[in-house]
Amino acid sequence: MSQAAERYALALFQTAQKHQVTAEVEQDLREVKKVFATTPELYQLMVSPKLSSEKRINLINELFKQGNQYVVNTIQLIAERGRLDEVGDLVDAYISLSNDAQGIQDAKVYSTRPLTEEERSSISTVFAQKVGKQALRIENIVDPSLIGGLRLQIGNRIYDSSVSTKLARLQRQLIG
């Protein structure tokens, strides 16, 4: 992650905190990242040297007019400085700052079926303590290849109690 992205994220986070809109800004940033990730042709248009600075700003205003003004202003600033390739890193850095401030960490939970709210809460409580956080923000990914059990990824830690992993381990032990 670049220092520029971290600086933009910190400035945006401090502004959002000051105006008590950190959650709203985070939600809008996630949407911005999703828009750029799912429409690469839009990103190509935005970074095109053929697009004038004024048209780029107008396009950003039009695309994100429903968004928080601090987010829109930050995206405009990044675009003006020719650093739109930093948007993904900026979003990740902002989320990290926001999570740290709230004592939360993002986690991916792979399961064979969608988790109930009770299961999410239980997983959050147990594993948040293991990583020194107050709670986990869980993204549930359904993966039938697990056969049963769960695989949990928190940052660079992986907790795996899936049946498929246990079978693979058993197979390695038996075959040698």
C-alpha atoms as a PDB file:
ATOM      1  CA  MET A   1       0.000   0.000   0.000  1.00  0.00           C
ATOM      2  CA  SER A   2       1.381   3.387  -0.973  1.00  0.00           C
ATOM      3  CA  GLN A   3       2.086   6.169   1.478  1.00  0.00           C
ATOM      4  CA  ALA A   4      -0.049   8.505  -0.625  1.00  0.00           C
ATOM      5  CA  ALA A   5      -3.099   6.236  -0.265  1.00  0.00           C
ATOM      6  CA  GLU A   6      -2.502   6.036   3.487  1.00  0.00           C
ATOM      7  CA  ARG A   7      -2.228   9.824   3.764  1.00  0.00           C
ATOM      8  CA  TYR A   8      -5.437  10.371   1.787  1.00  0.00           C
ATOM      9  CA  ALA A   9      -7.202   7.751   3.926  1.00  0.00           C
ATOM     10  CA  LEU A  10      -5.980   9.309   7.166  1.00  0.00           C
ATOM     11  CA  ALA A  11      -7.057  12.800   6.114  1.00  0.00           C
ATOM     12  CA  LEU A  12     -10.470  11.516   5.034  1.00  0.00           C
ATOM     13  CA  PHE A  13     -10.861   9.474   8.226  1.00  0.00           C
ATOM     14  CA  GLN A  14      -9.988  12.436  10.452  1.00  0.00           C
ATOM     15  CA  THR A  15     -12.463  14.632   8.573  1.00  0.00           C
ATOM     16  CA  ALA A  16     -15.171  11.953   8.808  1.00  0.00           C
ATOM     17  CA  GLN A  17     -14.513  11.526  12.551  1.00  0.00           C
ATOM     18  CA  LYS A  18     -14.691  15.263  13.110  1.00  0.00           C
ATOM     19  CA  HIS A  19     -18.099  15.391  11.406  1.00  0.00           C
ATOM     20  CA  GLN A  20     -19.255  12.033  12.870  1.00  0.00           C
ATOM     21  CA  VAL A  21     -19.822  10.322   9.524  1.00  0.00           C
ATOM     22  CA  THR A  22     -17.148   7.587   9.607  1.00  0.00           C
ATOM     23  CA  ALA A  23     -19.597   4.729   8.921  1.00  0.00           C
ATOM     24  CA  GLU A  24     -21.321   6.588   6.077  1.00  0.00           C
ATOM     25  CA  VAL A  25     -17.976   7.441   4.469  1.00  0.00           C
ATOM     26  CA  GLU A  26     -16.813   3.827   4.804  1.00  0.00           C
ATOM     27  CA  GLN A  27     -19.977   2.547   3.149  1.00  0.00           C
ATOM     28  CA  ASP A  28     -19.593   5.023   0.272  1.00  0.00           C
ATOM     29  CA  LEU A  29     -15.913   4.133  -0.167  1.00  0.00           C
ATOM     30  CA  ARG A  30     -16.813   0.437  -0.394  1.00  0.00           C
ATOM     31  CA  GLU A  31     -19.288   1.336  -3.150  1.00  0.00           C
ATOM     32  CA  VAL A  32     -16.695   3.414  -5.018  1.00  0.00           C
ATOM     33  CA  LYS A  33     -14.244   0.511  -4.906  1.00  0.00           C
ATOM     34  CA  LYS A  34     -16.958  -1.871  -6.119  1.00  0.00           C
ATOM     35  CA  VAL A  35     -17.860   0.456  -9.010  1.00  0.00           C
ATOM     36  CA  PHE A  36     -14.232   0.660 -10.176  1.00  0.00           C
ATOM     37  CA  ALA A  37     -13.697  -3.086  -9.709  1.00  0.00           C
ATOM     38  CA  THR A  38     -16.818  -4.150 -11.610  1.00  0.00           C
ATOM     39  CA  THR A  39     -16.537  -1.631 -14.470  1.00  0.00           C
ATOM     40  CA  PRO A  40     -12.928  -1.543 -15.679  1.00  0.00           C
ATOM     41  CA  GLU A  41     -14.001   0.425 -18.757  1.00  0.00           C
ATOM     42  CA  LEU A  42     -15.148   3.256 -16.479  1.00  0.00           C
ATOM     43  CA  TYR A  43     -11.760   3.271 -14.782  1.00  0.00           C
ATOM     44  CA  GLN A  44     -10.037   3.339 -18.198  1.00  0.00           C
ATOM     45  CA  LEU A  45     -12.175   6.328 -19.200  1.00  0.00           C
ATOM     46  CA  MET A  46     -11.381   8.133 -15.944  1.00  0.00           C
ATOM     47  CA  VAL A  47      -7.612   7.764 -16.371  1.00  0.00           C
ATOM     48  CA  SER A  48      -7.647   8.489 -20.095  1.00  0.00           C
ATOM     49  CA  PRO A  49      -5.471  11.464 -21.027  1.00  0.00           C
ATOM     50  CA  LYS A  50      -8.117  12.339 -23.646  1.00  0.00           C
ATOM     51  CA  LEU A  51     -10.564  13.240 -20.873  1.00  0.00           C
ATOM     52  CA  SER A  52     -10.105  16.827 -19.752  1.00  0.00           C
ATOM     53  CA  SER A  53      -9.743  17.565 -16.050  1.00  0.00           C
ATOM     54  CA  GLU A  54     -13.052  19.427 -16.080  1.00  0.00           C
ATOM     55  CA  LYS A  55     -14.906  16.520 -17.726  1.00  0.00           C
ATOM     56  CA  ARG A  56     -13.297  14.078 -15.276  1.00  0.00           C
ATOM     57  CA  ILE A  57     -14.535  16.153 -12.307  1.00  0.00           C
ATOM     58  CA  ASN A  58     -18.020  16.404 -13.850  1.00  0.00           C
ATOM     59  CA  LEU A  59     -18.069  12.643 -14.420  1.00  0.00           C
ATOM     60  CA  ILE A  60     -17.069  11.980 -10.803  1.00  0.00           C
ATOM     61  CA  ASN A  61     -19.764  14.390  -9.589  1.00  0.00           C
ATOM     62  CA  GLU A  62     -22.378  12.678 -11.756  1.00  0.00           C
ATOM     63  CA  LEU A  63     -21.360   9.113 -10.852  1.00  0.00           C
ATOM     64  CA  PHE A  64     -21.149   9.660  -7.114  1.00  0.00           C
ATOM     65  CA  LYS A  65     -23.686  12.469  -6.613  1.00  0.00           C
ATOM     66  CA  GLN A  66     -25.571  10.385  -4.016  1.00  0.00           C
ATOM     67  CA  GLY A  67     -22.365   9.833  -2.056  1.00  0.00           C
ATOM     68  CA  ASN A  68     -20.929  11.659   0.895  1.00  0.00           C
ATOM     69  CA  GLN A  69     -19.363  14.962  -0.162  1.00  0.00           C
ATOM     70  CA  TYR A  70     -16.078  14.182   1.622  1.00  0.00           C
ATOM     71  CA  VAL A  71     -15.754  11.001  -0.444  1.00  0.00           C
ATOM     72  CA  VAL A  72     -16.576  12.808  -3.686  1.00  0.00           C
ATOM     73  CA  ASN A  73     -14.073  15.574  -2.887  1.00  0.00           C
ATOM     74  CA  THR A  74     -11.368  13.007  -2.112  1.00  0.00           C
ATOM     75  CA  ILE A  75     -12.002  11.100  -5.361  1.00  0.00           C
ATOM     76  CA  GLN A  76     -11.844  14.408  -7.269  1.00  0.00           C
ATOM     77  CA  LEU A  77      -8.560  15.325  -5.597  1.00  0.00           C
ATOM     78  CA  ILE A  78      -7.061  11.935  -6.383  1.00  0.00           C
ATOM     79  CA  ALA A  79      -8.256  12.204 -10.000  1.00  0.00           C
ATOM     80  CA  GLU A  80      -6.772  15.690 -10.381  1.00  0.00           C
ATOM     81  CA  ARG A  81      -3.434  14.388  -9.159  1.00  0.00           C
ATOM     82  CA  GLY A  82      -3.547  11.429 -11.557  1.00  0.00           C
ATOM     83  CA  ARG A  83      -3.689   8.856  -8.778  1.00  0.00           C
ATOM     84  CA  LEU A  84      -6.968   7.049  -9.435  1.00  0.00           C
ATOM     85  CA  ASP A  85      -5.009   3.795  -9.320  1.00  0.00           C
ATOM     86  CA  GLU A  86      -4.722   4.469  -5.563  1.00  0.00           C
ATOM     87  CA  VAL A  87      -8.493   4.270  -4.920  1.00  0.00           C
ATOM     88  CA  GLY A  88      -8.471   0.586  -3.900  1.00  0.00           C
ATOM     89  CA  ASP A  89      -5.588   1.126  -1.477  1.00  0.00           C
ATOM     90  CA  LEU A  90      -7.209   4.270  -0.088  1.00  0.00           C
ATOM     91  CA  VAL A  91     -10.428   2.345   0.616  1.00  0.00           C
ATOM     92  CA  ASP A  92      -8.520  -0.492   2.302  1.00  0.00           C
ATOM     93  CA  ALA A  93      -6.502   1.972   4.421  1.00  0.00           C
ATOM     94  CA  TYR A  94      -9.663   3.851   5.451  1.00  0.00           C
ATOM     95  CA  ILE A  95     -11.428   0.611   6.425  1.00  0.00           C
ATOM     96  CA  SER A  96      -8.393  -0.405   8.460  1.00  0.00           C
ATOM     97  CA  LEU A  97      -8.397   2.938  10.321  1.00  0.00           C
ATOM     98  CA  SER A  98     -12.149   2.709  10.898  1.00  0.00           C
ATOM     99  CA  ASN A  99     -11.929  -0.897  12.102  1.00  0.00           C
ATOM    100  CA  ASP A 100      -9.082  -0.061  14.503  1.00  0.00           C
ATOM    101  CA  ALA A 101     -11.049   2.851  15.951  1.00  0.00           C
ATOM    102  CA  GLN A 102     -14.057   0.586  16.554  1.00  0.00           C
ATOM    103  CA  GLY A 103     -12.126  -2.492  17.695  1.00  0.00           C
ATOM    104  CA  ILE A 104     -13.425  -4.458  14.696  1.00  0.00           C
ATOM    105  CA  GLN A 105     -11.677  -6.649  12.141  1.00  0.00           C
ATOM    106  CA  ASP A 106     -12.943  -7.979   8.816  1.00  0.00           C
ATOM    107  CA  ALA A 107     -13.221 -11.746   8.508  1.00  0.00           C
ATOM    108  CA  LYS A 108     -14.199 -14.135   5.744  1.00  0.00           C
ATOM    109  CA  VAL A 109     -16.076 -17.201   6.868  1.00  0.00           C
ATOM    110  CA  TYR A 110     -16.401 -20.007   4.338  1.00  0.00           C
ATOM    111  CA  SER A 111     -19.232 -22.431   5.056  1.00  0.00           C
ATOM    112  CA  THR A 112     -21.300 -25.005   3.165  1.00  0.00           C
ATOM    113  CA  ARG A 113     -24.477 -22.958   3.697  1.00  0.00           C
ATOM    114  CA  PRO A 114     -25.337 -19.367   4.653  1.00  0.00           C
ATOM    115  CA  LEU A 115     -24.710 -18.685   8.352  1.00  0.00           C
ATOM    116  CA  THR A 116     -27.574 -17.671  10.620  1.00  0.00           C
ATOM    117  CA  GLU A 117     -27.351 -14.412  12.536  1.00  0.00           C
ATOM    118  CA  GLU A 118     -26.830 -16.424  15.733  1.00  0.00           C
ATOM    119  CA  GLU A 119     -23.907 -18.350  14.177  1.00  0.00           C
ATOM    120  CA  ARG A 120     -22.328 -15.107  12.917  1.00  0.00           C
ATOM    121  CA  SER A 121     -22.612 -13.591  16.368  1.00  0.00           C
ATOM    122  CA  SER A 122     -21.115 -16.658  18.038  1.00  0.00           C
ATOM    123  CA  ILE A 123     -18.186 -16.812  15.578  1.00  0.00           C
ATOM    124  CA  SER A 124     -17.605 -13.072  16.005  1.00  0.00           C
ATOM    125  CA  THR A 125     -17.534 -13.330  19.793  1.00  0.00           C
ATOM    126  CA  VAL A 126     -15.188 -16.329  19.981  1.00  0.00           C
ATOM    127  CA  PHE A 127     -12.709 -15.346  17.274  1.00  0.00           C
ATOM    128  CA  ALA A 128     -12.645 -11.604  18.001  1.00  0.00           C
ATOM    129  CA  GLN A 129     -11.155 -12.431  21.409  1.00  0.00           C
ATOM    130  CA  LYS A 130      -8.500 -14.628  19.769  1.00  0.00           C
ATOM    131  CA  VAL A 131      -7.296 -11.716  17.621  1.00  0.00           C
ATOM    132  CA  GLY A 132      -7.654  -9.065  20.329  1.00  0.00           C
ATOM    133  CA  LYS A 133     -10.670  -7.246  18.865  1.00  0.00           C
ATOM    134  CA  GLN A 134     -14.143  -6.469  20.172  1.00  0.00           C
ATOM    135  CA  ALA A 135     -15.989  -7.872  17.147  1.00  0.00           C
ATOM    136  CA  LEU A 136     -15.593  -9.247  13.639  1.00  0.00           C
ATOM    137  CA  ARG A 137     -17.323  -7.935  10.520  1.00  0.00           C
ATOM    138  CA  ILE A 138     -18.117 -11.227   8.821  1.00  0.00           C
ATOM    139  CA  GLU A 139     -18.368 -11.787   5.095  1.00  0.00           C
ATOM    140  CA  ASN A 140     -19.944 -15.218   4.627  1.00  0.00           C
ATOM    141  CA  ILE A 141     -18.869 -17.126   1.515  1.00  0.00           C
ATOM    142  CA  VAL A 142     -20.748 -20.320   0.709  1.00  0.00           C
ATOM    143  CA  ASP A 143     -18.352 -23.038  -0.478  1.00  0.00           C
ATOM    144  CA  PRO A 144     -19.899 -26.530  -0.830  1.00  0.00           C
ATOM    145  CA  SER A 145     -16.437 -28.045  -1.475  1.00  0.00           C
ATOM    146  CA  LEU A 146     -15.740 -27.799   2.274  1.00  0.00           C
ATOM    147  CA  ILE A 147     -18.136 -30.759   2.753  1.00  0.00           C
ATOM    148  CA  GLY A 148     -18.746 -29.571   6.338  1.00  0.00           C
ATOM    149  CA  GLY A 149     -17.275 -27.364   9.039  1.00  0.00           C
ATOM    150  CA  LEU A 150     -15.872 -23.850   8.570  1.00  0.00           C
ATOM    151  CA  ARG A 151     -12.849 -22.040   7.234  1.00  0.00           C
ATOM    152  CA  LEU A 152     -12.234 -18.619   8.764  1.00  0.00           C
ATOM    153  CA  GLN A 153      -9.800 -16.025   7.444  1.00  0.00           C
ATOM    154  CA  ILE A 154      -8.968 -13.031   9.642  1.00  0.00           C
ATOM    155  CA  GLY A 155      -6.272 -10.906   8.063  1.00  0.00           C
ATOM    156  CA  ASN A 156      -3.435 -13.342   7.351  1.00  0.00           C
ATOM    157  CA  ARG A 157      -4.628 -15.921   9.908  1.00  0.00           C
ATOM    158  CA  ILE A 158      -6.643 -18.935   8.787  1.00  0.00           C
ATOM    159  CA  TYR A 159      -8.627 -21.202  11.095  1.00  0.00           C
ATOM    160  CA  ASP A 160      -9.746 -24.294   9.226  1.00  0.00           C
ATOM    161  CA  SER A 161     -12.065 -26.931  10.652  1.00  0.00           C
ATOM    162  CA  SER A 162     -13.516 -28.000   7.302  1.00  0.00           C
ATOM    163  CA  VAL A 163     -14.098 -31.671   6.593  1.00  0.00           C
ATOM    164  CA  SER A 164     -12.284 -31.390   3.241  1.00  0.00           C
ATOM    165  CA  THR A 165      -9.098 -30.171   4.978  1.00  0.00           C
ATOM    166  CA  LYS A 166      -9.343 -32.894   7.628  1.00  0.00           C
ATOM    167  CA  LEU A 167      -9.751 -35.528   4.898  1.00  0.00           C
ATOM    168  CA  ALA A 168      -6.763 -34.131   2.984  1.00  0.00           C
ATOM    169  CA  ARG A 169      -4.659 -34.209   6.158  1.00  0.00           C
ATOM    170  CA  LEU A 170      -5.727 -37.789   6.872  1.00  0.00           C
ATOM    171  CA  GLN A 171      -4.909 -38.791   3.297  1.00  0.00           C
ATOM    172  CA  ARG A 172      -1.400 -37.295   3.617  1.00  0.00           C
ATOM    173  CA  GLN A 173      -0.854 -39.180   6.879  1.00  0.00           C
ATOM    174  CA  LEU A 174      -2.015 -42.493   5.418  1.00  0.00           C
ATOM    175  CA  ILE A 175      -0.066 -42.204   2.166  1.00  0.00           C
ATOM    176  CA  GLY A 176       2.979 -40.717   3.844  1.00  0.00           C
END
